Amino acid sequence: MLTMYKCRNFNKTGKILLPSKWRGQFGLLPGKLAELRFEQNQIIIEKANLESTHNKRLISENGSIHIPKELQLLLDITEEEEYCLYIDEEDKKFVVRMILDDN
């Protein structure tokens, strides 16, 4: 089950701060690899499976992760668009969803 954590604007560097409360539980500590994949119009961030071919990024010292440009393009993310970060404690992953503008 997903729980919404926070919504904010996507910045031009493509970095998202992962909340420390769950980073440790999910094995996403600074210097460790995270796996990022595009699935059902959202980005899944979880502990890396070294056997997979999905994008992998290091967790920074402050707990942030860079969303690769190819994933940004798949979600049609442009600077300053709003996204929400969700927590999936059961499956130990973060989920990034863009907020769709209905105008």
PDB file of N, CA and C in Angstrom:
ATOM      1  N   MET A   1       0.828  -1.180   0.000  1.00  0.00           N
ATOM      2  CA  MET A   1       0.000   0.000   0.000  1.00  0.00           C
ATOM      3  C   MET A   1       0.876   1.249   0.000  1.00  0.00           C
ATOM      4  N   LEU A   2       0.518   2.205  -0.834  1.00  0.00           N
ATOM      5  CA  LEU A   2       1.285   3.444  -0.937  1.00  0.00           C
ATOM      6  C   LEU A   2       0.745   4.496   0.022  1.00  0.00           C
ATOM      7  N   THR A   3       1.683   5.216   0.638  1.00  0.00           N
ATOM      8  CA  THR A   3       1.344   6.340   1.496  1.00  0.00           C
ATOM      9  C   THR A   3       2.012   7.576   0.923  1.00  0.00           C
ATOM     10  N   MET A   4       1.237   8.638   0.698  1.00  0.00           N
ATOM     11  CA  MET A   4       1.836   9.861   0.179  1.00  0.00           C
ATOM     12  C   MET A   4       2.707  10.493   1.266  1.00  0.00           C
ATOM     13  N   TYR A   5       3.923  10.844   0.874  1.00  0.00           N
ATOM     14  CA  TYR A   5       4.832  11.495   1.808  1.00  0.00           C
ATOM     15  C   TYR A   5       4.789  13.007   1.639  1.00  0.00           C
ATOM     16  N   LYS A   6       5.111  13.468   0.431  1.00  0.00           N
ATOM     17  CA  LYS A   6       5.196  14.907   0.205  1.00  0.00           C
ATOM     18  C   LYS A   6       5.125  15.200  -1.283  1.00  0.00           C
ATOM     19  N   CYS A   7       4.565  16.356  -1.601  1.00  0.00           N
ATOM     20  CA  CYS A   7       4.542  16.824  -2.985  1.00  0.00           C
ATOM     21  C   CYS A   7       5.384  18.091  -3.067  1.00  0.00           C
ATOM     22  N   ARG A   8       6.108  18.216  -4.146  1.00  0.00           N
ATOM     23  CA  ARG A   8       6.928  19.412  -4.352  1.00  0.00           C
ATOM     24  C   ARG A   8       7.270  19.563  -5.821  1.00  0.00           C
ATOM     25  N   ASN A   9       7.918  20.665  -6.151  1.00  0.00           N
ATOM     26  CA  ASN A   9       8.296  20.916  -7.540  1.00  0.00           C
ATOM     27  C   ASN A   9       9.572  20.161  -7.887  1.00  0.00           C
ATOM     28  N   PHE A  10       9.594  19.645  -9.098  1.00  0.00           N
ATOM     29  CA  PHE A  10      10.771  18.956  -9.626  1.00  0.00           C
ATOM     30  C   PHE A  10      11.794  20.022  -9.989  1.00  0.00           C
ATOM     31  N   ASN A  11      13.026  19.888  -9.513  1.00  0.00           N
ATOM     32  CA  ASN A  11      14.019  20.923  -9.823  1.00  0.00           C
ATOM     33  C   ASN A  11      14.809  20.580 -11.079  1.00  0.00           C
ATOM     34  N   LYS A  12      15.526  21.572 -11.591  1.00  0.00           N
ATOM     35  CA  LYS A  12      16.214  21.387 -12.875  1.00  0.00           C
ATOM     36  C   LYS A  12      17.376  20.404 -12.807  1.00  0.00           C
ATOM     37  N   THR A  13      17.889  20.113 -11.627  1.00  0.00           N
ATOM     38  CA  THR A  13      18.995  19.154 -11.527  1.00  0.00           C
ATOM     39  C   THR A  13      18.498  17.711 -11.545  1.00  0.00           C
ATOM     40  N   GLY A  14      17.178  17.509 -11.323  1.00  0.00           N
ATOM     41  CA  GLY A  14      16.633  16.164 -11.350  1.00  0.00           C
ATOM     42  C   GLY A  14      16.875  15.371 -10.075  1.00  0.00           C
ATOM     43  N   LYS A  15      17.209  16.057  -8.986  1.00  0.00           N
ATOM     44  CA  LYS A  15      17.452  15.355  -7.723  1.00  0.00           C
ATOM     45  C   LYS A  15      16.214  15.343  -6.854  1.00  0.00           C
ATOM     46  N   ILE A  16      16.021  14.210  -6.202  1.00  0.00           N
ATOM     47  CA  ILE A  16      14.915  14.032  -5.262  1.00  0.00           C
ATOM     48  C   ILE A  16      15.510  13.569  -3.939  1.00  0.00           C
ATOM     49  N   LEU A  17      15.088  14.214  -2.853  1.00  0.00           N
ATOM     50  CA  LEU A  17      15.543  13.827  -1.520  1.00  0.00           C
ATOM     51  C   LEU A  17      14.641  12.720  -0.994  1.00  0.00           C
ATOM     52  N   LEU A  18      15.253  11.602  -0.648  1.00  0.00           N
ATOM     53  CA  LEU A  18      14.511  10.471  -0.093  1.00  0.00           C
ATOM     54  C   LEU A  18      14.507  10.599   1.429  1.00  0.00           C
ATOM     55  N   PRO A  19      13.355  10.538   2.063  1.00  0.00           N
ATOM     56  CA  PRO A  19      13.279  10.746   3.506  1.00  0.00           C
ATOM     57  C   PRO A  19      14.066   9.697   4.299  1.00  0.00           C
ATOM     58  N   SER A  20      14.845  10.183   5.262  1.00  0.00           N
ATOM     59  CA  SER A  20      15.745   9.312   6.028  1.00  0.00           C
ATOM     60  C   SER A  20      15.007   8.241   6.821  1.00  0.00           C
ATOM     61  N   LYS A  21      13.784   8.540   7.247  1.00  0.00           N
ATOM     62  CA  LYS A  21      13.013   7.578   8.037  1.00  0.00           C
ATOM     63  C   LYS A  21      12.901   6.233   7.322  1.00  0.00           C
ATOM     64  N   TRP A  22      12.790   6.257   5.995  1.00  0.00           N
ATOM     65  CA  TRP A  22      12.613   5.025   5.234  1.00  0.00           C
ATOM     66  C   TRP A  22      13.877   4.576   4.495  1.00  0.00           C
ATOM     67  N   ARG A  23      14.799   5.487   4.246  1.00  0.00           N
ATOM     68  CA  ARG A  23      16.022   5.087   3.517  1.00  0.00           C
ATOM     69  C   ARG A  23      16.709   3.913   4.189  1.00  0.00           C
ATOM     70  N   GLY A  24      16.880   3.982   5.501  1.00  0.00           N
ATOM     71  CA  GLY A  24      17.543   2.900   6.227  1.00  0.00           C
ATOM     72  C   GLY A  24      16.769   1.599   6.153  1.00  0.00           C
ATOM     73  N   GLN A  25      15.447   1.679   6.334  1.00  0.00           N
ATOM     74  CA  GLN A  25      14.584   0.484   6.257  1.00  0.00           C
ATOM     75  C   GLN A  25      14.672  -0.184   4.896  1.00  0.00           C
ATOM     76  N   PHE A  26      14.801   0.627   3.843  1.00  0.00           N
ATOM     77  CA  PHE A  26      14.793   0.113   2.476  1.00  0.00           C
ATOM     78  C   PHE A  26      16.193  -0.240   1.958  1.00  0.00           C
ATOM     79  N   GLY A  27      17.224  -0.027   2.789  1.00  0.00           N
ATOM     80  CA  GLY A  27      18.593  -0.331   2.373  1.00  0.00           C
ATOM     81  C   GLY A  27      19.160   0.678   1.393  1.00  0.00           C
ATOM     82  N   LEU A  28      18.650   1.905   1.426  1.00  0.00           N
ATOM     83  CA  LEU A  28      19.097   2.950   0.500  1.00  0.00           C
ATOM     84  C   LEU A  28      19.939   3.984   1.247  1.00  0.00           C
ATOM     85  N   LEU A  29      21.079   3.549   1.699  1.00  0.00           N
ATOM     86  CA  LEU A  29      21.983   4.400   2.471  1.00  0.00           C
ATOM     87  C   LEU A  29      22.978   5.101   1.556  1.00  0.00           C
ATOM     88  N   PRO A  30      23.559   6.225   2.015  1.00  0.00           N
ATOM     89  CA  PRO A  30      24.543   6.928   1.183  1.00  0.00           C
ATOM     90  C   PRO A  30      25.645   5.991   0.687  1.00  0.00           C
ATOM     91  N   GLY A  31      25.951   6.123  -0.595  1.00  0.00           N
ATOM     92  CA  GLY A  31      26.977   5.294  -1.225  1.00  0.00           C
ATOM     93  C   GLY A  31      26.458   3.974  -1.778  1.00  0.00           C
ATOM     94  N   LYS A  32      25.220   3.613  -1.460  1.00  0.00           N
ATOM     95  CA  LYS A  32      24.628   2.367  -1.971  1.00  0.00           C
ATOM     96  C   LYS A  32      23.915   2.641  -3.290  1.00  0.00           C
ATOM     97  N   LEU A  33      23.785   1.606  -4.092  1.00  0.00           N
ATOM     98  CA  LEU A  33      23.092   1.731  -5.372  1.00  0.00           C
ATOM     99  C   LEU A  33      21.589   1.566  -5.206  1.00  0.00           C
ATOM    100  N   ALA A  34      20.874   2.425  -5.896  1.00  0.00           N
ATOM    101  CA  ALA A  34      19.415   2.321  -5.993  1.00  0.00           C
ATOM    102  C   ALA A  34      19.076   2.013  -7.439  1.00  0.00           C
ATOM    103  N   GLU A  35      17.978   1.304  -7.616  1.00  0.00           N
ATOM    104  CA  GLU A  35      17.487   0.994  -8.946  1.00  0.00           C
ATOM    105  C   GLU A  35      16.293   1.884  -9.233  1.00  0.00           C
ATOM    106  N   LEU A  36      16.264   2.461 -10.420  1.00  0.00           N
ATOM    107  CA  LEU A  36      15.160   3.320 -10.835  1.00  0.00           C
ATOM    108  C   LEU A  36      14.569   2.747 -12.105  1.00  0.00           C
ATOM    109  N   ARG A  37      13.251   2.604 -12.104  1.00  0.00           N
ATOM    110  CA  ARG A  37      12.603   2.089 -13.310  1.00  0.00           C
ATOM    111  C   ARG A  37      11.275   2.803 -13.540  1.00  0.00           C
ATOM    112  N   PHE A  38      10.929   2.883 -14.799  1.00  0.00           N
ATOM    113  CA  PHE A  38       9.677   3.489 -15.229  1.00  0.00           C
ATOM    114  C   PHE A  38       8.640   2.384 -15.313  1.00  0.00           C
ATOM    115  N   GLU A  39       7.518   2.580 -14.611  1.00  0.00           N
ATOM    116  CA  GLU A  39       6.489   1.551 -14.577  1.00  0.00           C
ATOM    117  C   GLU A  39       5.132   2.222 -14.373  1.00  0.00           C
ATOM    118  N   GLN A  40       4.219   2.043 -15.281  1.00  0.00           N
ATOM    119  CA  GLN A  40       2.856   2.574 -15.187  1.00  0.00           C
ATOM    120  C   GLN A  40       2.832   4.085 -14.898  1.00  0.00           C
ATOM    121  N   ASN A  41       3.591   4.833 -15.691  1.00  0.00           N
ATOM    122  CA  ASN A  41       3.657   6.292 -15.584  1.00  0.00           C
ATOM    123  C   ASN A  41       4.140   6.793 -14.232  1.00  0.00           C
ATOM    124  N   GLN A  42       5.041   6.061 -13.633  1.00  0.00           N
ATOM    125  CA  GLN A  42       5.658   6.486 -12.384  1.00  0.00           C
ATOM    126  C   GLN A  42       7.078   5.946 -12.343  1.00  0.00           C
ATOM    127  N   ILE A  43       7.877   6.501 -11.438  1.00  0.00           N
ATOM    128  CA  ILE A  43       9.252   6.033 -11.260  1.00  0.00           C
ATOM    129  C   ILE A  43       9.329   5.295  -9.941  1.00  0.00           C
ATOM    130  N   ILE A  44       9.839   4.075  -9.983  1.00  0.00           N
ATOM    131  CA  ILE A  44      10.031   3.246  -8.799  1.00  0.00           C
ATOM    132  C   ILE A  44      11.494   3.358  -8.399  1.00  0.00           C
ATOM    133  N   ILE A  45      11.743   3.611  -7.114  1.00  0.00           N
ATOM    134  CA  ILE A  45      13.108   3.701  -6.578  1.00  0.00           C
ATOM    135  C   ILE A  45      13.223   2.674  -5.460  1.00  0.00           C
ATOM    136  N   GLU A  46      14.149   1.737  -5.627  1.00  0.00           N
ATOM    137  CA  GLU A  46      14.334   0.700  -4.612  1.00  0.00           C
ATOM    138  C   GLU A  46      15.783   0.228  -4.605  1.00  0.00           C
ATOM    139  N   LYS A  47      16.103  -0.602  -3.640  1.00  0.00           N
ATOM    140  CA  LYS A  47      17.448  -1.154  -3.539  1.00  0.00           C
ATOM    141  C   LYS A  47      17.789  -1.874  -4.843  1.00  0.00           C
ATOM    142  N   ALA A  48      18.998  -1.666  -5.317  1.00  0.00           N
ATOM    143  CA  ALA A  48      19.398  -2.199  -6.621  1.00  0.00           C
ATOM    144  C   ALA A  48      19.511  -3.716  -6.623  1.00  0.00           C
ATOM    145  N   ASN A  49      19.013  -4.293  -7.695  1.00  0.00           N
ATOM    146  CA  ASN A  49      19.234  -5.696  -8.005  1.00  0.00           C
ATOM    147  C   ASN A  49      20.343  -5.684  -9.055  1.00  0.00           C
ATOM    148  N   LEU A  50      21.512  -6.126  -8.694  1.00  0.00           N
ATOM    149  CA  LEU A  50      22.665  -6.023  -9.592  1.00  0.00           C
ATOM    150  C   LEU A  50      22.503  -6.838 -10.871  1.00  0.00           C
ATOM    151  N   GLU A  51      21.570  -7.787 -10.877  1.00  0.00           N
ATOM    152  CA  GLU A  51      21.317  -8.609 -12.060  1.00  0.00           C
ATOM    153  C   GLU A  51      20.447  -7.889 -13.095  1.00  0.00           C
ATOM    154  N   SER A  52      19.701  -6.872 -12.680  1.00  0.00           N
ATOM    155  CA  SER A  52      18.764  -6.214 -13.600  1.00  0.00           C
ATOM    156  C   SER A  52      19.484  -5.229 -14.522  1.00  0.00           C
ATOM    157  N   THR A  53      18.779  -4.839 -15.566  1.00  0.00           N
ATOM    158  CA  THR A  53      19.336  -3.870 -16.517  1.00  0.00           C
ATOM    159  C   THR A  53      18.710  -2.482 -16.346  1.00  0.00           C
ATOM    160  N   HIS A  54      17.960  -2.277 -15.268  1.00  0.00           N
ATOM    161  CA  HIS A  54      17.348  -0.973 -15.021  1.00  0.00           C
ATOM    162  C   HIS A  54      18.411   0.051 -14.629  1.00  0.00           C
ATOM    163  N   ASN A  55      18.034   1.331 -14.720  1.00  0.00           N
ATOM    164  CA  ASN A  55      18.935   2.404 -14.313  1.00  0.00           C
ATOM    165  C   ASN A  55      19.336   2.234 -12.860  1.00  0.00           C
ATOM    166  N   LYS A  56      20.599   2.530 -12.577  1.00  0.00           N
ATOM    167  CA  LYS A  56      21.094   2.487 -11.205  1.00  0.00           C
ATOM    168  C   LYS A  56      21.818   3.796 -10.908  1.00  0.00           C
ATOM    169  N   ARG A  57      21.618   4.290  -9.701  1.00  0.00           N
ATOM    170  CA  ARG A  57      22.246   5.532  -9.251  1.00  0.00           C
ATOM    171  C   ARG A  57      22.679   5.365  -7.809  1.00  0.00           C
ATOM    172  N   LEU A  58      23.732   6.087  -7.442  1.00  0.00           N
ATOM    173  CA  LEU A  58      24.193   6.087  -6.062  1.00  0.00           C
ATOM    174  C   LEU A  58      23.364   7.053  -5.230  1.00  0.00           C
ATOM    175  N   ILE A  59      23.110   6.674  -3.990  1.00  0.00           N
ATOM    176  CA  ILE A  59      22.467   7.570  -3.040  1.00  0.00           C
ATOM    177  C   ILE A  59      23.545   8.531  -2.536  1.00  0.00           C
ATOM    178  N   SER A  60      23.269   9.827  -2.573  1.00  0.00           N
ATOM    179  CA  SER A  60      24.253  10.822  -2.160  1.00  0.00           C
ATOM    180  C   SER A  60      24.378  10.864  -0.633  1.00  0.00           C
ATOM    181  N   GLU A  61      25.347  11.602  -0.150  1.00  0.00           N
ATOM    182  CA  GLU A  61      25.583  11.743   1.291  1.00  0.00           C
ATOM    183  C   GLU A  61      24.369  12.292   2.025  1.00  0.00           C
ATOM    184  N   ASN A  62      23.614  13.174   1.367  1.00  0.00           N
ATOM    185  CA  ASN A  62      22.447  13.760   2.041  1.00  0.00           C
ATOM    186  C   ASN A  62      21.159  12.967   1.784  1.00  0.00           C
ATOM    187  N   GLY A  63      21.284  11.828   1.092  1.00  0.00           N
ATOM    188  CA  GLY A  63      20.119  10.977   0.870  1.00  0.00           C
ATOM    189  C   GLY A  63      19.310  11.320  -0.361  1.00  0.00           C
ATOM    190  N   SER A  64      19.900  12.062  -1.283  1.00  0.00           N
ATOM    191  CA  SER A  64      19.169  12.383  -2.507  1.00  0.00           C
ATOM    192  C   SER A  64      19.625  11.460  -3.636  1.00  0.00           C
ATOM    193  N   ILE A  65      18.808  11.432  -4.675  1.00  0.00           N
ATOM    194  CA  ILE A  65      19.117  10.601  -5.839  1.00  0.00           C
ATOM    195  C   ILE A  65      18.783  11.398  -7.093  1.00  0.00           C
ATOM    196  N   HIS A  66      19.571  11.215  -8.126  1.00  0.00           N
ATOM    197  CA  HIS A  66      19.362  11.910  -9.391  1.00  0.00           C
ATOM    198  C   HIS A  66      18.495  11.052 -10.301  1.00  0.00           C
ATOM    199  N   ILE A  67      17.421  11.640 -10.787  1.00  0.00           N
ATOM    200  CA  ILE A  67      16.544  10.935 -11.732  1.00  0.00           C
ATOM    201  C   ILE A  67      17.154  11.081 -13.126  1.00  0.00           C
ATOM    202  N   PRO A  68      17.506   9.978 -13.764  1.00  0.00           N
ATOM    203  CA  PRO A  68      18.154  10.043 -15.079  1.00  0.00           C
ATOM    204  C   PRO A  68      17.277  10.746 -16.123  1.00  0.00           C
ATOM    205  N   LYS A  69      17.940  11.412 -17.052  1.00  0.00           N
ATOM    206  CA  LYS A  69      17.247  12.175 -18.088  1.00  0.00           C
ATOM    207  C   LYS A  69      16.266  11.310 -18.886  1.00  0.00           C
ATOM    208  N   GLU A  70      16.639  10.075 -19.181  1.00  0.00           N
ATOM    209  CA  GLU A  70      15.742   9.233 -19.971  1.00  0.00           C
ATOM    210  C   GLU A  70      14.433   8.950 -19.225  1.00  0.00           C
ATOM    211  N   LEU A  71      14.482   8.824 -17.903  1.00  0.00           N
ATOM    212  CA  LEU A  71      13.248   8.646 -17.133  1.00  0.00           C
ATOM    213  C   LEU A  71      12.450   9.943 -17.068  1.00  0.00           C
ATOM    214  N   GLN A  72      13.142  11.061 -16.982  1.00  0.00           N
ATOM    215  CA  GLN A  72      12.462  12.362 -17.007  1.00  0.00           C
ATOM    216  C   GLN A  72      11.707  12.532 -18.329  1.00  0.00           C
ATOM    217  N   LEU A  73      12.322  12.112 -19.425  1.00  0.00           N
ATOM    218  CA  LEU A  73      11.684  12.226 -20.736  1.00  0.00           C
ATOM    219  C   LEU A  73      10.470  11.297 -20.853  1.00  0.00           C
ATOM    220  N   LEU A  74      10.573  10.090 -20.308  1.00  0.00           N
ATOM    221  CA  LEU A  74       9.445   9.156 -20.352  1.00  0.00           C
ATOM    222  C   LEU A  74       8.226   9.713 -19.617  1.00  0.00           C
ATOM    223  N   LEU A  75       8.468  10.437 -18.523  1.00  0.00           N
ATOM    224  CA  LEU A  75       7.370  11.026 -17.751  1.00  0.00           C
ATOM    225  C   LEU A  75       7.017  12.425 -18.233  1.00  0.00           C
ATOM    226  N   ASP A  76       7.740  12.901 -19.246  1.00  0.00           N
ATOM    227  CA  ASP A  76       7.513  14.242 -19.785  1.00  0.00           C
ATOM    228  C   ASP A  76       7.664  15.306 -18.692  1.00  0.00           C
ATOM    229  N   ILE A  77       8.725  15.143 -17.891  1.00  0.00           N
ATOM    230  CA  ILE A  77       8.988  16.073 -16.787  1.00  0.00           C
ATOM    231  C   ILE A  77       9.734  17.283 -17.321  1.00  0.00           C
ATOM    232  N   THR A  78       9.216  18.444 -17.015  1.00  0.00           N
ATOM    233  CA  THR A  78       9.938  19.679 -17.290  1.00  0.00           C
ATOM    234  C   THR A  78      10.178  20.377 -15.963  1.00  0.00           C
ATOM    235  N   GLU A  79      11.109  21.292 -15.976  1.00  0.00           N
ATOM    236  CA  GLU A  79      11.494  21.998 -14.751  1.00  0.00           C
ATOM    237  C   GLU A  79      10.289  22.623 -14.057  1.00  0.00           C
ATOM    238  N   GLU A  80      10.267  22.487 -12.764  1.00  0.00           N
ATOM    239  CA  GLU A  80       9.265  23.086 -11.888  1.00  0.00           C
ATOM    240  C   GLU A  80       7.883  22.441 -11.945  1.00  0.00           C
ATOM    241  N   GLU A  81       7.757  21.280 -12.565  1.00  0.00           N
ATOM    242  CA  GLU A  81       6.481  20.561 -12.491  1.00  0.00           C
ATOM    243  C   GLU A  81       6.394  19.904 -11.123  1.00  0.00           C
ATOM    244  N   GLU A  82       5.172  19.664 -10.682  1.00  0.00           N
ATOM    245  CA  GLU A  82       4.988  19.107  -9.346  1.00  0.00           C
ATOM    246  C   GLU A  82       4.904  17.584  -9.404  1.00  0.00           C
ATOM    247  N   TYR A  83       5.536  16.966  -8.420  1.00  0.00           N
ATOM    248  CA  TYR A  83       5.477  15.515  -8.268  1.00  0.00           C
ATOM    249  C   TYR A  83       5.152  15.196  -6.813  1.00  0.00           C
ATOM    250  N   CYS A  84       4.699  13.987  -6.580  1.00  0.00           N
ATOM    251  CA  CYS A  84       4.487  13.511  -5.217  1.00  0.00           C
ATOM    252  C   CYS A  84       5.343  12.266  -5.002  1.00  0.00           C
ATOM    253  N   LEU A  85       5.907  12.191  -3.807  1.00  0.00           N
ATOM    254  CA  LEU A  85       6.709  11.034  -3.416  1.00  0.00           C
ATOM    255  C   LEU A  85       5.855  10.168  -2.495  1.00  0.00           C
ATOM    256  N   TYR A  86       5.762   8.900  -2.852  1.00  0.00           N
ATOM    257  CA  TYR A  86       4.983   7.940  -2.071  1.00  0.00           C
ATOM    258  C   TYR A  86       5.925   6.913  -1.449  1.00  0.00           C
ATOM    259  N   ILE A  87       5.497   6.376  -0.323  1.00  0.00           N
ATOM    260  CA  ILE A  87       6.263   5.366   0.397  1.00  0.00           C
ATOM    261  C   ILE A  87       5.498   4.052   0.318  1.00  0.00           C
ATOM    262  N   ASP A  88       6.213   2.982  -0.054  1.00  0.00           N
ATOM    263  CA  ASP A  88       5.631   1.638  -0.050  1.00  0.00           C
ATOM    264  C   ASP A  88       6.441   0.816   0.950  1.00  0.00           C
ATOM    265  N   GLU A  89       5.992   0.818   2.209  1.00  0.00           N
ATOM    266  CA  GLU A  89       6.738   0.121   3.270  1.00  0.00           C
ATOM    267  C   GLU A  89       6.731  -1.388   3.088  1.00  0.00           C
ATOM    268  N   GLU A  90       5.652  -1.913   2.556  1.00  0.00           N
ATOM    269  CA  GLU A  90       5.548  -3.360   2.376  1.00  0.00           C
ATOM    270  C   GLU A  90       6.585  -3.872   1.376  1.00  0.00           C
ATOM    271  N   ASP A  91       6.712  -3.182   0.233  1.00  0.00           N
ATOM    272  CA  ASP A  91       7.650  -3.607  -0.804  1.00  0.00           C
ATOM    273  C   ASP A  91       8.992  -2.870  -0.737  1.00  0.00           C
ATOM    274  N   LYS A  92       9.152  -2.014   0.267  1.00  0.00           N
ATOM    275  CA  LYS A  92      10.405  -1.284   0.515  1.00  0.00           C
ATOM    276  C   LYS A  92      10.878  -0.514  -0.702  1.00  0.00           C
ATOM    277  N   LYS A  93      10.019   0.419  -1.133  1.00  0.00           N
ATOM    278  CA  LYS A  93      10.385   1.238  -2.284  1.00  0.00           C
ATOM    279  C   LYS A  93       9.710   2.599  -2.190  1.00  0.00           C
ATOM    280  N   PHE A  94      10.264   3.538  -2.940  1.00  0.00           N
ATOM    281  CA  PHE A  94       9.689   4.864  -3.108  1.00  0.00           C
ATOM    282  C   PHE A  94       9.063   4.925  -4.492  1.00  0.00           C
ATOM    283  N   VAL A  95       7.999   5.709  -4.626  1.00  0.00           N
ATOM    284  CA  VAL A  95       7.321   5.873  -5.909  1.00  0.00           C
ATOM    285  C   VAL A  95       7.167   7.361  -6.174  1.00  0.00           C
ATOM    286  N   VAL A  96       7.578   7.788  -7.370  1.00  0.00           N
ATOM    287  CA  VAL A  96       7.463   9.183  -7.783  1.00  0.00           C
ATOM    288  C   VAL A  96       6.378   9.265  -8.848  1.00  0.00           C
ATOM    289  N   ARG A  97       5.386  10.110  -8.582  1.00  0.00           N
ATOM    290  CA  ARG A  97       4.300  10.326  -9.549  1.00  0.00           C
ATOM    291  C   ARG A  97       4.173  11.817  -9.823  1.00  0.00           C
ATOM    292  N   MET A  98       4.021  12.132 -11.083  1.00  0.00           N
ATOM    293  CA  MET A  98       3.801  13.519 -11.462  1.00  0.00           C
ATOM    294  C   MET A  98       2.353  13.873 -11.202  1.00  0.00           C
ATOM    295  N   ILE A  99       2.114  15.137 -10.870  1.00  0.00           N
ATOM    296  CA  ILE A  99       0.760  15.634 -10.702  1.00  0.00           C
ATOM    297  C   ILE A  99       0.325  16.159 -12.047  1.00  0.00           C
ATOM    298  N   LEU A 100      -0.749  15.587 -12.563  1.00  0.00           N
ATOM    299  CA  LEU A 100      -1.225  15.963 -13.887  1.00  0.00           C
ATOM    300  C   LEU A 100      -2.060  17.235 -13.791  1.00  0.00           C
ATOM    301  N   ASP A 101      -1.771  18.160 -14.679  1.00  0.00           N
ATOM    302  CA  ASP A 101      -2.520  19.408 -14.751  1.00  0.00           C
ATOM    303  C   ASP A 101      -3.730  19.190 -15.646  1.00  0.00           C
ATOM    304  N   ASP A 102      -4.914  19.346 -15.099  1.00  0.00           N
ATOM    305  CA  ASP A 102      -6.135  19.087 -15.865  1.00  0.00           C
ATOM    306  C   ASP A 102      -6.610  20.292 -16.671  1.00  0.00           C
ATOM    307  N   ASN A 103      -5.863  21.380 -16.641  1.00  0.00           N
ATOM    308  CA  ASN A 103      -6.282  22.584 -17.373  1.00  0.00           C
ATOM    309  C   ASN A 103      -6.004  22.439 -18.847  1.00  0.00           C
TER     310      ASN A 103
END
